[in-house]
Amino acid sequence: MVVVRAPGSVCETCDIRETAICGVLNPDELPRLNAIVAAQNVAPQQAVFFEGDPADTLYNVTRGCVRLSKMLADGRRQVTGFLLPGDFLGLAYYESYAYTAEAVDAVRLCVFPREKFQALLTEFPQFERRLLSRASNELASAQDQLLLLGRKGAKEKLASFLLLLGRRARLRGTVDGALDLPMTRNDIADYIGLTTETVSRTFTKLVDEAVLELPSPQHVLIKRPEVLEDLAGEFH
């Protein structure tokens, strides 16, 4: 991994600034953020940090997909989330990270030293409020995953996962119904609590039922969103 100082105008020209936490800062405030930021590229399947590492750095995802995971006591992996451009990474209540973060594909990050970033939160209250809002959204996502893992069958789990990605894609301006899936079927299985084989079979069933199209394993077209919503128990 290579960390480089970001050029002076990086915050002003960032493509995802409006959807990231820094979108609340006005042009006069951005130089304060830009003064502490660096850029980091992470190759596919490489770690950003490991569970237990010192939590001395915060990150904003600007390109690619980051997988969050924890190792269970029996050696199995539990994927706890996927972060996409605009998402914030590295918040920790303790001195070490509580999970491992790895690049799914080629990832680019904005990197902030924790102490300097915390000083900015004190200086710009609106910045802190937006960060707290993101933390609240993360808690809601964690609660949704508990329901996903505990009370739903295979189709319901996959439907909920795809709808979640669809909502996040719309926030980034993606064409409605078109989803990128940079994560593997094994990643998805470890997130929604199924085997890889069950995930693959469930995709095939939804394609056979004309609910989805799969132009490639990394791309999904949702053809009948109302069916996914019914499976996931959502109103439409």
C-alpha atoms as a PDB file:
ATOM      1  CA  MET A   1       0.000   0.000   0.000  1.00  0.00           C
ATOM      2  CA  VAL A   2       1.236   3.458  -0.887  1.00  0.00           C
ATOM      3  CA  VAL A   3       0.141   6.543   1.026  1.00  0.00           C
ATOM      4  CA  VAL A   4       0.833   9.882  -0.619  1.00  0.00           C
ATOM      5  CA  ARG A   5       0.063  13.428   0.327  1.00  0.00           C
ATOM      6  CA  ALA A   6      -2.975  14.598  -1.581  1.00  0.00           C
ATOM      7  CA  PRO A   7      -2.667  17.590  -3.926  1.00  0.00           C
ATOM      8  CA  GLY A   8      -3.978  20.898  -2.666  1.00  0.00           C
ATOM      9  CA  SER A   9      -7.280  20.803  -4.566  1.00  0.00           C
ATOM     10  CA  VAL A  10      -8.207  17.177  -3.921  1.00  0.00           C
ATOM     11  CA  CYS A  11     -11.193  17.943  -1.675  1.00  0.00           C
ATOM     12  CA  GLU A  12     -12.634  20.556  -4.029  1.00  0.00           C
ATOM     13  CA  THR A  13     -12.444  18.219  -7.042  1.00  0.00           C
ATOM     14  CA  CYS A  14     -13.478  14.955  -5.329  1.00  0.00           C
ATOM     15  CA  ASP A  15     -16.264  13.178  -7.240  1.00  0.00           C
ATOM     16  CA  ILE A  16     -17.922  11.761  -4.122  1.00  0.00           C
ATOM     17  CA  ARG A  17     -17.601  14.741  -1.797  1.00  0.00           C
ATOM     18  CA  GLU A  18     -21.329  15.494  -1.692  1.00  0.00           C
ATOM     19  CA  THR A  19     -22.183  11.965  -0.549  1.00  0.00           C
ATOM     20  CA  ALA A  20     -19.269  11.732   1.906  1.00  0.00           C
ATOM     21  CA  ILE A  21     -19.097  13.262   5.378  1.00  0.00           C
ATOM     22  CA  CYS A  22     -16.939  16.141   4.089  1.00  0.00           C
ATOM     23  CA  GLY A  23     -19.880  17.376   2.010  1.00  0.00           C
ATOM     24  CA  VAL A  24     -21.036  19.501   4.962  1.00  0.00           C
ATOM     25  CA  LEU A  25     -17.903  21.659   4.841  1.00  0.00           C
ATOM     26  CA  ASN A  26     -18.075  24.851   2.794  1.00  0.00           C
ATOM     27  CA  PRO A  27     -15.290  25.918   0.387  1.00  0.00           C
ATOM     28  CA  ASP A  28     -13.705  28.122   3.062  1.00  0.00           C
ATOM     29  CA  GLU A  29     -13.499  25.191   5.483  1.00  0.00           C
ATOM     30  CA  LEU A  30     -12.236  22.557   3.058  1.00  0.00           C
ATOM     31  CA  PRO A  31      -8.565  23.637   3.220  1.00  0.00           C
ATOM     32  CA  ARG A  32      -8.495  22.627   6.902  1.00  0.00           C
ATOM     33  CA  LEU A  33      -9.544  19.099   5.933  1.00  0.00           C
ATOM     34  CA  ASN A  34      -7.275  19.032   2.913  1.00  0.00           C
ATOM     35  CA  ALA A  35      -4.290  19.919   5.103  1.00  0.00           C
ATOM     36  CA  ILE A  36      -4.488  16.588   6.967  1.00  0.00           C
ATOM     37  CA  VAL A  37      -5.590  14.190   4.206  1.00  0.00           C
ATOM     38  CA  ALA A  38      -3.476  11.745   2.228  1.00  0.00           C
ATOM     39  CA  ALA A  39      -4.412   9.293  -0.520  1.00  0.00           C
ATOM     40  CA  GLN A  40      -3.942   5.532  -0.300  1.00  0.00           C
ATOM     41  CA  ASN A  41      -4.341   2.874  -2.991  1.00  0.00           C
ATOM     42  CA  VAL A  42      -5.056  -0.697  -1.904  1.00  0.00           C
ATOM     43  CA  ALA A  43      -4.791  -3.626  -4.316  1.00  0.00           C
ATOM     44  CA  PRO A  44      -7.598  -6.210  -4.532  1.00  0.00           C
ATOM     45  CA  GLN A  45      -7.693  -8.664  -1.601  1.00  0.00           C
ATOM     46  CA  GLN A  46      -5.140  -6.651   0.380  1.00  0.00           C
ATOM     47  CA  ALA A  47      -5.895  -5.472   3.925  1.00  0.00           C
ATOM     48  CA  VAL A  48      -6.469  -1.859   4.862  1.00  0.00           C
ATOM     49  CA  PHE A  49      -6.093  -2.929   8.495  1.00  0.00           C
ATOM     50  CA  PHE A  50      -6.607  -6.023  10.622  1.00  0.00           C
ATOM     51  CA  GLU A  51      -8.799  -6.629  13.642  1.00  0.00           C
ATOM     52  CA  GLY A  52      -6.763  -5.622  16.694  1.00  0.00           C
ATOM     53  CA  ASP A  53      -4.509  -3.134  14.898  1.00  0.00           C
ATOM     54  CA  PRO A  54      -4.123   0.278  16.608  1.00  0.00           C
ATOM     55  CA  ALA A  55      -7.045   2.489  15.543  1.00  0.00           C
ATOM     56  CA  ASP A  56      -4.922   5.529  14.792  1.00  0.00           C
ATOM     57  CA  THR A  57      -6.213   6.234  11.273  1.00  0.00           C
ATOM     58  CA  LEU A  58      -9.596   7.022   9.712  1.00  0.00           C
ATOM     59  CA  TYR A  59     -10.534   6.565   6.078  1.00  0.00           C
ATOM     60  CA  ASN A  60     -13.038   7.675   3.465  1.00  0.00           C
ATOM     61  CA  VAL A  61     -13.655   5.311   0.542  1.00  0.00           C
ATOM     62  CA  THR A  62     -13.411   7.194  -2.762  1.00  0.00           C
ATOM     63  CA  ARG A  63     -13.156   4.241  -5.186  1.00  0.00           C
ATOM     64  CA  GLY A  64     -13.829   0.529  -5.039  1.00  0.00           C
ATOM     65  CA  CYS A  65     -15.378  -1.747  -2.430  1.00  0.00           C
ATOM     66  CA  VAL A  66     -14.077  -2.557   1.065  1.00  0.00           C
ATOM     67  CA  ARG A  67     -15.117  -5.730   2.879  1.00  0.00           C
ATOM     68  CA  LEU A  68     -15.467  -5.718   6.675  1.00  0.00           C
ATOM     69  CA  SER A  69     -15.161  -9.005   8.553  1.00  0.00           C
ATOM     70  CA  LYS A  70     -14.524 -10.687  11.886  1.00  0.00           C
ATOM     71  CA  MET A  71     -13.127 -14.130  12.664  1.00  0.00           C
ATOM     72  CA  LEU A  72     -15.353 -16.318  14.808  1.00  0.00           C
ATOM     73  CA  ALA A  73     -14.019 -18.500  17.598  1.00  0.00           C
ATOM     74  CA  ASP A  74     -14.343 -21.635  15.449  1.00  0.00           C
ATOM     75  CA  GLY A  75     -12.232 -20.110  12.669  1.00  0.00           C
ATOM     76  CA  ARG A  76     -15.069 -19.162  10.348  1.00  0.00           C
ATOM     77  CA  ARG A  77     -15.274 -15.704   8.815  1.00  0.00           C
ATOM     78  CA  GLN A  78     -18.315 -13.444   9.247  1.00  0.00           C
ATOM     79  CA  VAL A  79     -18.535 -10.621   6.745  1.00  0.00           C
ATOM     80  CA  THR A  80     -20.209  -7.723   8.534  1.00  0.00           C
ATOM     81  CA  GLY A  81     -20.488  -5.183   5.728  1.00  0.00           C
ATOM     82  CA  PHE A  82     -19.347  -3.734   2.423  1.00  0.00           C
ATOM     83  CA  LEU A  83     -18.271  -0.119   2.077  1.00  0.00           C
ATOM     84  CA  LEU A  84     -18.580   1.787  -1.189  1.00  0.00           C
ATOM     85  CA  PRO A  85     -17.476   5.238  -2.415  1.00  0.00           C
ATOM     86  CA  GLY A  86     -18.615   7.884   0.039  1.00  0.00           C
ATOM     87  CA  ASP A  87     -18.556   5.553   3.047  1.00  0.00           C
ATOM     88  CA  PHE A  88     -16.427   6.260   6.119  1.00  0.00           C
ATOM     89  CA  LEU A  89     -14.137   3.656   7.662  1.00  0.00           C
ATOM     90  CA  GLY A  90     -12.182   3.197  10.870  1.00  0.00           C
ATOM     91  CA  LEU A  91     -14.389   4.612  13.617  1.00  0.00           C
ATOM     92  CA  ALA A  92     -13.452   2.899  16.873  1.00  0.00           C
ATOM     93  CA  TYR A  93     -14.545   3.387  20.469  1.00  0.00           C
ATOM     94  CA  TYR A  94     -11.407   1.697  21.755  1.00  0.00           C
ATOM     95  CA  GLU A  95      -7.725   1.925  20.866  1.00  0.00           C
ATOM     96  CA  SER A  96      -7.848  -0.902  18.327  1.00  0.00           C
ATOM     97  CA  TYR A  97     -10.022  -1.805  15.346  1.00  0.00           C
ATOM     98  CA  ALA A  98     -12.805  -4.280  16.115  1.00  0.00           C
ATOM     99  CA  TYR A  99     -12.839  -5.795  12.613  1.00  0.00           C
ATOM    100  CA  THR A 100     -10.677  -6.393   9.547  1.00  0.00           C
ATOM    101  CA  ALA A 101     -11.060  -4.208   6.443  1.00  0.00           C
ATOM    102  CA  GLU A 102      -9.933  -5.567   3.063  1.00  0.00           C
ATOM    103  CA  ALA A 103     -10.134  -4.331  -0.512  1.00  0.00           C
ATOM    104  CA  VAL A 104     -12.513  -6.365  -2.680  1.00  0.00           C
ATOM    105  CA  ASP A 105     -11.309  -4.702  -5.879  1.00  0.00           C
ATOM    106  CA  ALA A 106      -8.924  -1.807  -6.512  1.00  0.00           C
ATOM    107  CA  VAL A 107      -9.645   0.643  -3.716  1.00  0.00           C
ATOM    108  CA  ARG A 108      -8.662   4.271  -3.201  1.00  0.00           C
ATOM    109  CA  LEU A 109      -8.982   5.907   0.200  1.00  0.00           C
ATOM    110  CA  CYS A 110      -8.641   9.311   1.763  1.00  0.00           C
ATOM    111  CA  VAL A 111      -6.562   8.813   4.924  1.00  0.00           C
ATOM    112  CA  PHE A 112      -6.849  10.952   8.076  1.00  0.00           C
ATOM    113  CA  PRO A 113      -4.730  10.748  11.248  1.00  0.00           C
ATOM    114  CA  ARG A 114      -7.169  10.093  14.077  1.00  0.00           C
ATOM    115  CA  GLU A 115      -5.988  12.861  16.436  1.00  0.00           C
ATOM    116  CA  LYS A 116      -5.969  15.555  13.748  1.00  0.00           C
ATOM    117  CA  PHE A 117      -9.370  14.437  12.495  1.00  0.00           C
ATOM    118  CA  GLN A 118     -10.848  14.580  15.986  1.00  0.00           C
ATOM    119  CA  ALA A 119      -9.546  18.139  16.328  1.00  0.00           C
ATOM    120  CA  LEU A 120     -11.504  19.063  13.189  1.00  0.00           C
ATOM    121  CA  LEU A 121     -14.674  17.602  14.689  1.00  0.00           C
ATOM    122  CA  THR A 122     -14.301  20.016  17.596  1.00  0.00           C
ATOM    123  CA  GLU A 123     -13.654  22.910  15.233  1.00  0.00           C
ATOM    124  CA  PHE A 124     -16.591  22.162  12.897  1.00  0.00           C
ATOM    125  CA  PRO A 125     -19.681  20.931  14.810  1.00  0.00           C
ATOM    126  CA  GLN A 126     -21.590  20.247  11.588  1.00  0.00           C
ATOM    127  CA  PHE A 127     -18.850  17.824  10.632  1.00  0.00           C
ATOM    128  CA  GLU A 128     -19.292  15.945  13.891  1.00  0.00           C
ATOM    129  CA  ARG A 129     -23.075  15.826  13.464  1.00  0.00           C
ATOM    130  CA  ARG A 130     -22.745  14.243  10.031  1.00  0.00           C
ATOM    131  CA  LEU A 131     -20.290  11.696  11.369  1.00  0.00           C
ATOM    132  CA  LEU A 132     -22.710  10.801  14.168  1.00  0.00           C
ATOM    133  CA  SER A 133     -25.441  10.414  11.569  1.00  0.00           C
ATOM    134  CA  ARG A 134     -23.252   7.960   9.670  1.00  0.00           C
ATOM    135  CA  ALA A 135     -22.580   6.043  12.881  1.00  0.00           C
ATOM    136  CA  SER A 136     -26.338   5.821  13.503  1.00  0.00           C
ATOM    137  CA  ASN A 137     -26.841   4.451   9.991  1.00  0.00           C
ATOM    138  CA  GLU A 138     -24.173   1.830  10.652  1.00  0.00           C
ATOM    139  CA  LEU A 139     -26.017   0.750  13.809  1.00  0.00           C
ATOM    140  CA  ALA A 140     -29.269   0.451  11.840  1.00  0.00           C
ATOM    141  CA  SER A 141     -27.473  -1.650   9.215  1.00  0.00           C
ATOM    142  CA  ALA A 142     -26.117  -3.926  11.929  1.00  0.00           C
ATOM    143  CA  GLN A 143     -29.645  -4.428  13.273  1.00  0.00           C
ATOM    144  CA  ASP A 144     -30.900  -5.209   9.767  1.00  0.00           C
ATOM    145  CA  GLN A 145     -28.180  -7.826   9.386  1.00  0.00           C
ATOM    146  CA  LEU A 146     -29.211  -9.524  12.618  1.00  0.00           C
ATOM    147  CA  LEU A 147     -32.708  -9.936  11.176  1.00  0.00           C
ATOM    148  CA  LEU A 148     -31.219 -11.088   7.891  1.00  0.00           C
ATOM    149  CA  LEU A 149     -29.151 -13.790   9.560  1.00  0.00           C
ATOM    150  CA  GLY A 150     -31.750 -14.999  11.980  1.00  0.00           C
ATOM    151  CA  ARG A 151     -35.221 -14.965  10.494  1.00  0.00           C
ATOM    152  CA  LYS A 152     -35.080 -15.237   6.695  1.00  0.00           C
ATOM    153  CA  GLY A 153     -34.672 -18.022   4.150  1.00  0.00           C
ATOM    154  CA  ALA A 154     -32.207 -18.064   1.254  1.00  0.00           C
ATOM    155  CA  LYS A 155     -34.340 -16.137  -1.236  1.00  0.00           C
ATOM    156  CA  GLU A 156     -35.378 -13.600   1.391  1.00  0.00           C
ATOM    157  CA  LYS A 157     -31.766 -13.041   2.450  1.00  0.00           C
ATOM    158  CA  LEU A 158     -30.491 -12.522  -1.086  1.00  0.00           C
ATOM    159  CA  ALA A 159     -33.433 -10.261  -1.926  1.00  0.00           C
ATOM    160  CA  SER A 160     -32.730  -8.083   1.119  1.00  0.00           C
ATOM    161  CA  PHE A 161     -29.048  -7.867   0.208  1.00  0.00           C
ATOM    162  CA  LEU A 162     -29.753  -6.812  -3.380  1.00  0.00           C
ATOM    163  CA  LEU A 163     -32.316  -4.217  -2.300  1.00  0.00           C
ATOM    164  CA  LEU A 164     -29.808  -2.773   0.154  1.00  0.00           C
ATOM    165  CA  LEU A 165     -27.223  -2.439  -2.617  1.00  0.00           C
ATOM    166  CA  GLY A 166     -29.886  -0.919  -4.860  1.00  0.00           C
ATOM    167  CA  ARG A 167     -30.702   1.805  -2.351  1.00  0.00           C
ATOM    168  CA  ARG A 168     -27.024   2.651  -1.943  1.00  0.00           C
ATOM    169  CA  ALA A 169     -26.524   2.674  -5.724  1.00  0.00           C
ATOM    170  CA  ARG A 170     -29.364   5.169  -6.190  1.00  0.00           C
ATOM    171  CA  LEU A 171     -27.733   7.522  -3.697  1.00  0.00           C
ATOM    172  CA  ARG A 172     -24.650   7.508  -5.928  1.00  0.00           C
ATOM    173  CA  GLY A 173     -26.699   8.205  -9.057  1.00  0.00           C
ATOM    174  CA  THR A 174     -26.533   4.718 -10.583  1.00  0.00           C
ATOM    175  CA  VAL A 175     -29.208   3.729 -13.096  1.00  0.00           C
ATOM    176  CA  ASP A 176     -32.152   2.256 -11.220  1.00  0.00           C
ATOM    177  CA  GLY A 177     -32.075  -1.547 -11.200  1.00  0.00           C
ATOM    178  CA  ALA A 178     -28.451  -1.890 -12.322  1.00  0.00           C
ATOM    179  CA  LEU A 179     -26.088  -3.160  -9.627  1.00  0.00           C
ATOM    180  CA  ASP A 180     -22.359  -3.738  -9.531  1.00  0.00           C
ATOM    181  CA  LEU A 181     -21.321  -6.748  -7.458  1.00  0.00           C
ATOM    182  CA  PRO A 182     -17.552  -6.537  -6.985  1.00  0.00           C
ATOM    183  CA  MET A 183     -17.753  -8.994  -4.096  1.00  0.00           C
ATOM    184  CA  THR A 184     -17.575 -12.743  -4.736  1.00  0.00           C
ATOM    185  CA  ARG A 185     -20.384 -15.215  -4.128  1.00  0.00           C
ATOM    186  CA  ASN A 186     -18.348 -16.437  -1.147  1.00  0.00           C
ATOM    187  CA  ASP A 187     -18.263 -12.872   0.249  1.00  0.00           C
ATOM    188  CA  ILE A 188     -22.031 -12.602  -0.132  1.00  0.00           C
ATOM    189  CA  ALA A 189     -22.507 -15.994   1.508  1.00  0.00           C
ATOM    190  CA  ASP A 190     -20.399 -14.984   4.500  1.00  0.00           C
ATOM    191  CA  TYR A 191     -22.441 -11.783   4.814  1.00  0.00           C
ATOM    192  CA  ILE A 192     -25.956 -13.230   4.642  1.00  0.00           C
ATOM    193  CA  GLY A 193     -25.224 -16.492   6.450  1.00  0.00           C
ATOM    194  CA  LEU A 194     -25.490 -19.049   3.627  1.00  0.00           C
ATOM    195  CA  THR A 195     -23.130 -21.385   1.821  1.00  0.00           C
ATOM    196  CA  THR A 196     -21.557 -20.255  -1.433  1.00  0.00           C
ATOM    197  CA  GLU A 197     -23.416 -23.015  -3.278  1.00  0.00           C
ATOM    198  CA  THR A 198     -26.768 -21.847  -1.878  1.00  0.00           C
ATOM    199  CA  VAL A 199     -26.072 -18.266  -2.945  1.00  0.00           C
ATOM    200  CA  SER A 200     -25.243 -19.412  -6.485  1.00  0.00           C
ATOM    201  CA  ARG A 201     -28.364 -21.604  -6.685  1.00  0.00           C
ATOM    202  CA  THR A 202     -30.543 -18.773  -5.391  1.00  0.00           C
ATOM    203  CA  PHE A 203     -29.203 -16.385  -8.018  1.00  0.00           C
ATOM    204  CA  THR A 204     -30.014 -19.007 -10.654  1.00  0.00           C
ATOM    205  CA  LYS A 205     -33.579 -19.426  -9.340  1.00  0.00           C
ATOM    206  CA  LEU A 206     -34.194 -15.672  -9.436  1.00  0.00           C
ATOM    207  CA  VAL A 207     -32.854 -15.515 -12.991  1.00  0.00           C
ATOM    208  CA  ASP A 208     -35.064 -18.454 -14.024  1.00  0.00           C
ATOM    209  CA  GLU A 209     -38.053 -16.647 -12.523  1.00  0.00           C
ATOM    210  CA  ALA A 210     -37.172 -13.505 -14.545  1.00  0.00           C
ATOM    211  CA  VAL A 211     -36.645 -11.489 -11.369  1.00  0.00           C
ATOM    212  CA  LEU A 212     -32.992 -10.818 -12.230  1.00  0.00           C
ATOM    213  CA  GLU A 213     -30.669 -10.806 -15.201  1.00  0.00           C
ATOM    214  CA  LEU A 214     -26.964 -11.535 -14.791  1.00  0.00           C
ATOM    215  CA  PRO A 215     -24.981 -10.034 -17.684  1.00  0.00           C
ATOM    216  CA  SER A 216     -21.899 -11.165 -15.744  1.00  0.00           C
ATOM    217  CA  PRO A 217     -21.174 -12.450 -12.213  1.00  0.00           C
ATOM    218  CA  GLN A 218     -20.262  -8.863 -11.243  1.00  0.00           C
ATOM    219  CA  HIS A 219     -23.360  -7.185 -12.677  1.00  0.00           C
ATOM    220  CA  VAL A 220     -27.046  -7.623 -11.863  1.00  0.00           C
ATOM    221  CA  LEU A 221     -30.128  -6.135 -13.483  1.00  0.00           C
ATOM    222  CA  ILE A 222     -33.205  -6.140 -11.259  1.00  0.00           C
ATOM    223  CA  LYS A 223     -36.135  -6.747 -13.625  1.00  0.00           C
ATOM    224  CA  ARG A 224     -38.940  -7.227 -11.081  1.00  0.00           C
ATOM    225  CA  PRO A 225     -38.131  -5.175  -7.989  1.00  0.00           C
ATOM    226  CA  GLU A 226     -41.606  -5.747  -6.567  1.00  0.00           C
ATOM    227  CA  VAL A 227     -40.844  -9.473  -6.280  1.00  0.00           C
ATOM    228  CA  LEU A 228     -37.631  -8.771  -4.367  1.00  0.00           C
ATOM    229  CA  GLU A 229     -39.524  -6.379  -2.091  1.00  0.00           C
ATOM    230  CA  ASP A 230     -42.138  -9.041  -1.359  1.00  0.00           C
ATOM    231  CA  LEU A 231     -39.451 -11.607  -0.607  1.00  0.00           C
ATOM    232  CA  ALA A 232     -37.642  -9.170   1.684  1.00  0.00           C
ATOM    233  CA  GLY A 233     -40.864  -8.222   3.467  1.00  0.00           C
ATOM    234  CA  GLU A 234     -40.772  -4.610   2.275  1.00  0.00           C
ATOM    235  CA  PHE A 235     -43.711  -2.483   1.223  1.00  0.00           C
ATOM    236  CA  HIS A 236     -43.914  -1.102  -2.336  1.00  0.00           C
END
